[in-house]
Structures are given as C-alpha cells and as structure tokens.
Amino acid sequence: MFRWDIVGQYLFAPIFLQAVWTTLWISVVAQFAGVVIGLFLALMRLSRFPLLSFPAQVYVWFFRGSPLLVQILLLFDGLP
C-alpha cells in the first residue's frame, strides 16, 4: 500500500521547500540577466561604431556557433 503521508512529509519538508525557493530565485535572476545582456548586445550590434558592433558580433557568433556542451567544457576546464 502506498503511504501518502510519507510522501507529504518529504515533499513539504522545510529543506525541500527552501531548495524549491532557491531554484525559482536563481531561475528568475538568470532570466532577467539574460534579457539585460541580450538587450545590450542587440543595441551594440545595431551601432554604427565598429568598436561597439564588432565585439557584439564576435560574442553572438561564438555562442551561436558552438555547441552548449563545448561551452560548458570551456567554462569549467578553461578557467583557472
């Protein structure tokens, strides 16, 4: 027989609820940061000045052209 009281005990444990809240908070902050960075990169790419548009083009070219797994490996293995 399935014990729903045990499931509820673990599902609504304070540490589990805190982990859910932390996950949601990190997701919202990452989403906001991504929108802000994307907005600045879009404005830089639309600029007529090469000092602004070229770095944004290189950044977009790199992250669009390389697989996510390669980016993760470079991030974790390439940094000191």
PDB file of N, CA and C in Angstrom:
ATOM      1  N   MET A   1       0.836  -1.170   0.000  1.00  0.00           N
ATOM      2  CA  MET A   1       0.000   0.000   0.000  1.00  0.00           C
ATOM      3  C   MET A   1       0.891   1.248   0.000  1.00  0.00           C
ATOM      4  N   PHE A   2       0.469   2.231  -0.767  1.00  0.00           N
ATOM      5  CA  PHE A   2       1.245   3.467  -0.896  1.00  0.00           C
ATOM      6  C   PHE A   2       0.944   4.385   0.278  1.00  0.00           C
ATOM      7  N   ARG A   3       1.969   4.976   0.851  1.00  0.00           N
ATOM      8  CA  ARG A   3       1.805   5.823   2.035  1.00  0.00           C
ATOM      9  C   ARG A   3       1.948   7.285   1.639  1.00  0.00           C
ATOM     10  N   TRP A   4       0.815   7.935   1.435  1.00  0.00           N
ATOM     11  CA  TRP A   4       0.823   9.335   1.026  1.00  0.00           C
ATOM     12  C   TRP A   4       1.318  10.255   2.137  1.00  0.00           C
ATOM     13  N   ASP A   5       1.147   9.854   3.379  1.00  0.00           N
ATOM     14  CA  ASP A   5       1.629  10.698   4.471  1.00  0.00           C
ATOM     15  C   ASP A   5       3.156  10.797   4.463  1.00  0.00           C
ATOM     16  N   ILE A   6       3.815   9.715   4.070  1.00  0.00           N
ATOM     17  CA  ILE A   6       5.278   9.741   3.971  1.00  0.00           C
ATOM     18  C   ILE A   6       5.711  10.642   2.818  1.00  0.00           C
ATOM     19  N   VAL A   7       4.996  10.553   1.698  1.00  0.00           N
ATOM     20  CA  VAL A   7       5.312  11.417   0.552  1.00  0.00           C
ATOM     21  C   VAL A   7       5.151  12.878   0.948  1.00  0.00           C
ATOM     22  N   GLY A   8       4.060  13.216   1.606  1.00  0.00           N
ATOM     23  CA  GLY A   8       3.835  14.591   2.051  1.00  0.00           C
ATOM     24  C   GLY A   8       4.876  15.059   3.048  1.00  0.00           C
ATOM     25  N   GLN A   9       5.308  14.147   3.895  1.00  0.00           N
ATOM     26  CA  GLN A   9       6.323  14.508   4.888  1.00  0.00           C
ATOM     27  C   GLN A   9       7.624  14.937   4.212  1.00  0.00           C
ATOM     28  N   TYR A  10       8.033  14.225   3.178  1.00  0.00           N
ATOM     29  CA  TYR A  10       9.269  14.572   2.488  1.00  0.00           C
ATOM     30  C   TYR A  10       9.070  15.700   1.485  1.00  0.00           C
ATOM     31  N   LEU A  11       7.890  15.747   0.867  1.00  0.00           N
ATOM     32  CA  LEU A  11       7.633  16.761  -0.148  1.00  0.00           C
ATOM     33  C   LEU A  11       7.532  18.158   0.451  1.00  0.00           C
ATOM     34  N   PHE A  12       7.011  18.257   1.653  1.00  0.00           N
ATOM     35  CA  PHE A  12       6.841  19.560   2.293  1.00  0.00           C
ATOM     36  C   PHE A  12       7.817  19.777   3.437  1.00  0.00           C
ATOM     37  N   ALA A  13       8.919  19.075   3.401  1.00  0.00           N
ATOM     38  CA  ALA A  13       9.966  19.288   4.398  1.00  0.00           C
ATOM     39  C   ALA A  13      10.570  20.674   4.190  1.00  0.00           C
ATOM     40  N   PRO A  14      10.941  21.355   5.262  1.00  0.00           N
ATOM     41  CA  PRO A  14      11.469  22.721   5.129  1.00  0.00           C
ATOM     42  C   PRO A  14      12.690  22.819   4.219  1.00  0.00           C
ATOM     43  N   ILE A  15      13.572  21.854   4.266  1.00  0.00           N
ATOM     44  CA  ILE A  15      14.767  21.938   3.422  1.00  0.00           C
ATOM     45  C   ILE A  15      14.404  21.779   1.948  1.00  0.00           C
ATOM     46  N   PHE A  16      13.394  20.957   1.652  1.00  0.00           N
ATOM     47  CA  PHE A  16      12.953  20.790   0.269  1.00  0.00           C
ATOM     48  C   PHE A  16      12.279  22.063  -0.229  1.00  0.00           C
ATOM     49  N   LEU A  17      11.445  22.674   0.592  1.00  0.00           N
ATOM     50  CA  LEU A  17      10.787  23.919   0.196  1.00  0.00           C
ATOM     51  C   LEU A  17      11.802  25.045   0.010  1.00  0.00           C
ATOM     52  N   GLN A  18      12.830  25.065   0.844  1.00  0.00           N
ATOM     53  CA  GLN A  18      13.882  26.063   0.680  1.00  0.00           C
ATOM     54  C   GLN A  18      14.641  25.836  -0.630  1.00  0.00           C
ATOM     55  N   ALA A  19      14.875  24.582  -0.985  1.00  0.00           N
ATOM     56  CA  ALA A  19      15.557  24.278  -2.247  1.00  0.00           C
ATOM     57  C   ALA A  19      14.703  24.688  -3.445  1.00  0.00           C
ATOM     58  N   VAL A  20      13.392  24.487  -3.358  1.00  0.00           N
ATOM     59  CA  VAL A  20      12.496  24.914  -4.440  1.00  0.00           C
ATOM     60  C   VAL A  20      12.537  26.426  -4.578  1.00  0.00           C
ATOM     61  N   TRP A  21      12.479  27.144  -3.456  1.00  0.00           N
ATOM     62  CA  TRP A  21      12.525  28.608  -3.490  1.00  0.00           C
ATOM     63  C   TRP A  21      13.848  29.096  -4.081  1.00  0.00           C
ATOM     64  N   THR A  22      14.956  28.488  -3.695  1.00  0.00           N
ATOM     65  CA  THR A  22      16.263  28.877  -4.221  1.00  0.00           C
ATOM     66  C   THR A  22      16.337  28.633  -5.725  1.00  0.00           C
ATOM     67  N   THR A  23      15.807  27.515  -6.179  1.00  0.00           N
ATOM     68  CA  THR A  23      15.803  27.210  -7.608  1.00  0.00           C
ATOM     69  C   THR A  23      14.992  28.238  -8.385  1.00  0.00           C
ATOM     70  N   LEU A  24      13.824  28.584  -7.883  1.00  0.00           N
ATOM     71  CA  LEU A  24      12.993  29.590  -8.554  1.00  0.00           C
ATOM     72  C   LEU A  24      13.678  30.951  -8.565  1.00  0.00           C
ATOM     73  N   TRP A  25      14.321  31.322  -7.467  1.00  0.00           N
ATOM     74  CA  TRP A  25      15.007  32.611  -7.382  1.00  0.00           C
ATOM     75  C   TRP A  25      16.165  32.678  -8.384  1.00  0.00           C
ATOM     76  N   ILE A  26      16.957  31.625  -8.459  1.00  0.00           N
ATOM     77  CA  ILE A  26      18.069  31.590  -9.413  1.00  0.00           C
ATOM     78  C   ILE A  26      17.544  31.649 -10.841  1.00  0.00           C
ATOM     79  N   SER A  27      16.436  30.978 -11.111  1.00  0.00           N
ATOM     80  CA  SER A  27      15.851  30.999 -12.458  1.00  0.00           C
ATOM     81  C   SER A  27      15.399  32.395 -12.850  1.00  0.00           C
ATOM     82  N   VAL A  28      14.749  33.103 -11.934  1.00  0.00           N
ATOM     83  CA  VAL A  28      14.269  34.457 -12.230  1.00  0.00           C
ATOM     84  C   VAL A  28      15.443  35.409 -12.438  1.00  0.00           C
ATOM     85  N   VAL A  29      16.448  35.325 -11.589  1.00  0.00           N
ATOM     86  CA  VAL A  29      17.619  36.201 -11.720  1.00  0.00           C
ATOM     87  C   VAL A  29      18.361  35.915 -13.026  1.00  0.00           C
ATOM     88  N   ALA A  30      18.515  34.644 -13.383  1.00  0.00           N
ATOM     89  CA  ALA A  30      19.197  34.294 -14.630  1.00  0.00           C
ATOM     90  C   ALA A  30      18.403  34.772 -15.844  1.00  0.00           C
ATOM     91  N   GLN A  31      17.088  34.659 -15.779  1.00  0.00           N
ATOM     92  CA  GLN A  31      16.250  35.131 -16.886  1.00  0.00           C
ATOM     93  C   GLN A  31      16.394  36.642 -17.047  1.00  0.00           C
ATOM     94  N   PHE A  32      16.345  37.367 -15.951  1.00  0.00           N
ATOM     95  CA  PHE A  32      16.487  38.823 -16.001  1.00  0.00           C
ATOM     96  C   PHE A  32      17.864  39.219 -16.528  1.00  0.00           C
ATOM     97  N   ALA A  33      18.906  38.553 -16.042  1.00  0.00           N
ATOM     98  CA  ALA A  33      20.261  38.864 -16.505  1.00  0.00           C
ATOM     99  C   ALA A  33      20.409  38.566 -17.992  1.00  0.00           C
ATOM    100  N   GLY A  34      19.816  37.483 -18.456  1.00  0.00           N
ATOM    101  CA  GLY A  34      19.881  37.151 -19.876  1.00  0.00           C
ATOM    102  C   GLY A  34      19.190  38.182 -20.750  1.00  0.00           C
ATOM    103  N   VAL A  35      18.061  38.687 -20.281  1.00  0.00           N
ATOM    104  CA  VAL A  35      17.346  39.718 -21.045  1.00  0.00           C
ATOM    105  C   VAL A  35      18.164  41.002 -21.093  1.00  0.00           C
ATOM    106  N   VAL A  36      18.753  41.389 -19.971  1.00  0.00           N
ATOM    107  CA  VAL A  36      19.551  42.620 -19.931  1.00  0.00           C
ATOM    108  C   VAL A  36      20.785  42.490 -20.825  1.00  0.00           C
ATOM    109  N   ILE A  37      21.492  41.373 -20.720  1.00  0.00           N
ATOM    110  CA  ILE A  37      22.677  41.167 -21.561  1.00  0.00           C
ATOM    111  C   ILE A  37      22.292  41.123 -23.031  1.00  0.00           C
ATOM    112  N   GLY A  38      21.207  40.436 -23.344  1.00  0.00           N
ATOM    113  CA  GLY A  38      20.742  40.370 -24.730  1.00  0.00           C
ATOM    114  C   GLY A  38      20.346  41.726 -25.279  1.00  0.00           C
ATOM    115  N   LEU A  39      19.722  42.547 -24.447  1.00  0.00           N
ATOM    116  CA  LEU A  39      19.344  43.893 -24.883  1.00  0.00           C
ATOM    117  C   LEU A  39      20.579  44.735 -25.187  1.00  0.00           C
ATOM    118  N   PHE A  40      21.573  44.677 -24.303  1.00  0.00           N
ATOM    119  CA  PHE A  40      22.797  45.442 -24.547  1.00  0.00           C
ATOM    120  C   PHE A  40      23.539  44.940 -25.786  1.00  0.00           C
ATOM    121  N   LEU A  41      23.583  43.632 -25.978  1.00  0.00           N
ATOM    122  CA  LEU A  41      24.247  43.098 -27.169  1.00  0.00           C
ATOM    123  C   LEU A  41      23.503  43.488 -28.440  1.00  0.00           C
ATOM    124  N   ALA A  42      22.184  43.484 -28.386  1.00  0.00           N
ATOM    125  CA  ALA A  42      21.408  43.894 -29.567  1.00  0.00           C
ATOM    126  C   ALA A  42      21.651  45.359 -29.889  1.00  0.00           C
ATOM    127  N   LEU A  43      21.700  46.197 -28.867  1.00  0.00           N
ATOM    128  CA  LEU A  43      21.977  47.618 -29.104  1.00  0.00           C
ATOM    129  C   LEU A  43      23.399  47.824 -29.618  1.00  0.00           C
ATOM    130  N   MET A  44      24.332  47.034 -29.116  1.00  0.00           N
ATOM    131  CA  MET A  44      25.708  47.142 -29.602  1.00  0.00           C
ATOM    132  C   MET A  44      25.805  46.710 -31.066  1.00  0.00           C
ATOM    133  N   ARG A  45      25.092  45.645 -31.438  1.00  0.00           N
ATOM    134  CA  ARG A  45      25.147  45.174 -32.834  1.00  0.00           C
ATOM    135  C   ARG A  45      24.504  46.162 -33.787  1.00  0.00           C
ATOM    136  N   LEU A  46      23.536  46.920 -33.323  1.00  0.00           N
ATOM    137  CA  LEU A  46      22.870  47.901 -34.173  1.00  0.00           C
ATOM    138  C   LEU A  46      23.667  49.195 -34.309  1.00  0.00           C
ATOM    139  N   SER A  47      24.712  49.319 -33.506  1.00  0.00           N
ATOM    140  CA  SER A  47      25.512  50.537 -33.532  1.00  0.00           C
ATOM    141  C   SER A  47      26.289  50.655 -34.840  1.00  0.00           C
ATOM    142  N   ARG A  48      26.536  51.881 -35.244  1.00  0.00           N
ATOM    143  CA  ARG A  48      27.331  52.134 -36.449  1.00  0.00           C
ATOM    144  C   ARG A  48      28.828  52.164 -36.151  1.00  0.00           C
ATOM    145  N   PHE A  49      29.181  52.188 -34.877  1.00  0.00           N
ATOM    146  CA  PHE A  49      30.585  52.248 -34.486  1.00  0.00           C
ATOM    147  C   PHE A  49      31.169  50.837 -34.421  1.00  0.00           C
ATOM    148  N   PRO A  50      32.263  50.594 -35.136  1.00  0.00           N
ATOM    149  CA  PRO A  50      32.855  49.247 -35.153  1.00  0.00           C
ATOM    150  C   PRO A  50      33.356  48.790 -33.783  1.00  0.00           C
ATOM    151  N   LEU A  51      33.761  49.738 -32.921  1.00  0.00           N
ATOM    152  CA  LEU A  51      34.237  49.351 -31.592  1.00  0.00           C
ATOM    153  C   LEU A  51      33.117  48.780 -30.728  1.00  0.00           C
ATOM    154  N   LEU A  52      31.892  49.090 -31.056  1.00  0.00           N
ATOM    155  CA  LEU A  52      30.759  48.524 -30.330  1.00  0.00           C
ATOM    156  C   LEU A  52      30.171  47.309 -31.037  1.00  0.00           C
ATOM    157  N   SER A  53      30.046  47.395 -32.340  1.00  0.00           N
ATOM    158  CA  SER A  53      29.347  46.324 -33.055  1.00  0.00           C
ATOM    159  C   SER A  53      30.209  45.070 -33.233  1.00  0.00           C
ATOM    160  N   PHE A  54      31.508  45.229 -33.438  1.00  0.00           N
ATOM    161  CA  PHE A  54      32.346  44.056 -33.691  1.00  0.00           C
ATOM    162  C   PHE A  54      32.426  43.106 -32.491  1.00  0.00           C
ATOM    163  N   PRO A  55      32.687  43.588 -31.261  1.00  0.00           N
ATOM    164  CA  PRO A  55      32.710  42.642 -30.131  1.00  0.00           C
ATOM    165  C   PRO A  55      31.370  41.935 -29.924  1.00  0.00           C
ATOM    166  N   ALA A  56      30.282  42.643 -30.158  1.00  0.00           N
ATOM    167  CA  ALA A  56      28.972  42.004 -30.020  1.00  0.00           C
ATOM    168  C   ALA A  56      28.773  40.943 -31.090  1.00  0.00           C
ATOM    169  N   GLN A  57      29.238  41.204 -32.303  1.00  0.00           N
ATOM    170  CA  GLN A  57      29.117  40.211 -33.370  1.00  0.00           C
ATOM    171  C   GLN A  57      29.953  38.970 -33.067  1.00  0.00           C
ATOM    172  N   VAL A  58      31.149  39.173 -32.530  1.00  0.00           N
ATOM    173  CA  VAL A  58      32.008  38.037 -32.185  1.00  0.00           C
ATOM    174  C   VAL A  58      31.370  37.216 -31.063  1.00  0.00           C
ATOM    175  N   TYR A  59      30.840  37.888 -30.062  1.00  0.00           N
ATOM    176  CA  TYR A  59      30.185  37.207 -28.944  1.00  0.00           C
ATOM    177  C   TYR A  59      29.010  36.365 -29.438  1.00  0.00           C
ATOM    178  N   VAL A  60      28.157  36.957 -30.252  1.00  0.00           N
ATOM    179  CA  VAL A  60      26.995  36.241 -30.782  1.00  0.00           C
ATOM    180  C   VAL A  60      27.441  35.108 -31.702  1.00  0.00           C
ATOM    181  N   TRP A  61      28.452  35.354 -32.525  1.00  0.00           N
ATOM    182  CA  TRP A  61      28.962  34.320 -33.429  1.00  0.00           C
ATOM    183  C   TRP A  61      29.466  33.114 -32.640  1.00  0.00           C
ATOM    184  N   PHE A  62      30.215  33.376 -31.569  1.00  0.00           N
ATOM    185  CA  PHE A  62      30.772  32.275 -30.783  1.00  0.00           C
ATOM    186  C   PHE A  62      29.671  31.464 -30.109  1.00  0.00           C
ATOM    187  N   PHE A  63      28.745  32.127 -29.437  1.00  0.00           N
ATOM    188  CA  PHE A  63      27.735  31.396 -28.677  1.00  0.00           C
ATOM    189  C   PHE A  63      26.665  30.767 -29.561  1.00  0.00           C
ATOM    190  N   ARG A  64      26.446  31.285 -30.749  1.00  0.00           N
ATOM    191  CA  ARG A  64      25.529  30.624 -31.675  1.00  0.00           C
ATOM    192  C   ARG A  64      26.200  29.464 -32.399  1.00  0.00           C
ATOM    193  N   GLY A  65      27.491  29.602 -32.659  1.00  0.00           N
ATOM    194  CA  GLY A  65      28.178  28.624 -33.496  1.00  0.00           C
ATOM    195  C   GLY A  65      28.754  27.434 -32.767  1.00  0.00           C
ATOM    196  N   SER A  66      28.861  27.506 -31.458  1.00  0.00           N
ATOM    197  CA  SER A  66      29.455  26.382 -30.738  1.00  0.00           C
ATOM    198  C   SER A  66      28.376  25.645 -29.938  1.00  0.00           C
ATOM    199  N   PRO A  67      28.503  24.331 -29.849  1.00  0.00           N
ATOM    200  CA  PRO A  67      27.524  23.563 -29.078  1.00  0.00           C
ATOM    201  C   PRO A  67      27.597  23.902 -27.589  1.00  0.00           C
ATOM    202  N   LEU A  68      26.485  23.730 -26.914  1.00  0.00           N
ATOM    203  CA  LEU A  68      26.414  24.064 -25.495  1.00  0.00           C
ATOM    204  C   LEU A  68      27.392  23.233 -24.672  1.00  0.00           C
ATOM    205  N   LEU A  69      27.569  21.978 -25.034  1.00  0.00           N
ATOM    206  CA  LEU A  69      28.498  21.125 -24.294  1.00  0.00           C
ATOM    207  C   LEU A  69      29.931  21.644 -24.400  1.00  0.00           C
ATOM    208  N   VAL A  70      30.313  22.140 -25.553  1.00  0.00           N
ATOM    209  CA  VAL A  70      31.644  22.721 -25.728  1.00  0.00           C
ATOM    210  C   VAL A  70      31.781  23.971 -24.864  1.00  0.00           C
ATOM    211  N   GLN A  71      30.756  24.787 -24.804  1.00  0.00           N
ATOM    212  CA  GLN A  71      30.795  25.989 -23.972  1.00  0.00           C
ATOM    213  C   GLN A  71      30.929  25.631 -22.495  1.00  0.00           C
ATOM    214  N   ILE A  72      30.203  24.607 -22.059  1.00  0.00           N
ATOM    215  CA  ILE A  72      30.294  24.178 -20.661  1.00  0.00           C
ATOM    216  C   ILE A  72      31.689  23.642 -20.356  1.00  0.00           C
ATOM    217  N   LEU A  73      32.247  22.851 -21.266  1.00  0.00           N
ATOM    218  CA  LEU A  73      33.600  22.333 -21.051  1.00  0.00           C
ATOM    219  C   LEU A  73      34.625  23.460 -21.005  1.00  0.00           C
ATOM    220  N   LEU A  74      34.501  24.446 -21.883  1.00  0.00           N
ATOM    221  CA  LEU A  74      35.414  25.589 -21.847  1.00  0.00           C
ATOM    222  C   LEU A  74      35.256  26.387 -20.559  1.00  0.00           C
ATOM    223  N   LEU A  75      34.040  26.508 -20.089  1.00  0.00           N
ATOM    224  CA  LEU A  75      33.794  27.267 -18.865  1.00  0.00           C
ATOM    225  C   LEU A  75      34.426  26.592 -17.651  1.00  0.00           C
ATOM    226  N   PHE A  76      34.238  25.279 -17.528  1.00  0.00           N
ATOM    227  CA  PHE A  76      34.714  24.592 -16.332  1.00  0.00           C
ATOM    228  C   PHE A  76      36.157  24.119 -16.429  1.00  0.00           C
ATOM    229  N   ASP A  77      36.631  23.803 -17.620  1.00  0.00           N
ATOM    230  CA  ASP A  77      38.009  23.338 -17.760  1.00  0.00           C
ATOM    231  C   ASP A  77      38.961  24.443 -18.191  1.00  0.00           C
ATOM    232  N   GLY A  78      38.452  25.471 -18.826  1.00  0.00           N
ATOM    233  CA  GLY A  78      39.305  26.530 -19.342  1.00  0.00           C
ATOM    234  C   GLY A  78      39.611  27.621 -18.333  1.00  0.00           C
ATOM    235  N   LEU A  79      38.780  27.747 -17.313  1.00  0.00           N
ATOM    236  CA  LEU A  79      39.015  28.777 -16.306  1.00  0.00           C
ATOM    237  C   LEU A  79      39.916  28.235 -15.208  1.00  0.00           C
ATOM    238  N   PRO A  80      40.764  29.098 -14.641  1.00  0.00           N
ATOM    239  CA  PRO A  80      41.658  28.614 -13.576  1.00  0.00           C
ATOM    240  C   PRO A  80      40.925  28.322 -12.287  1.00  0.00           C
TER     241      PRO A  80
END
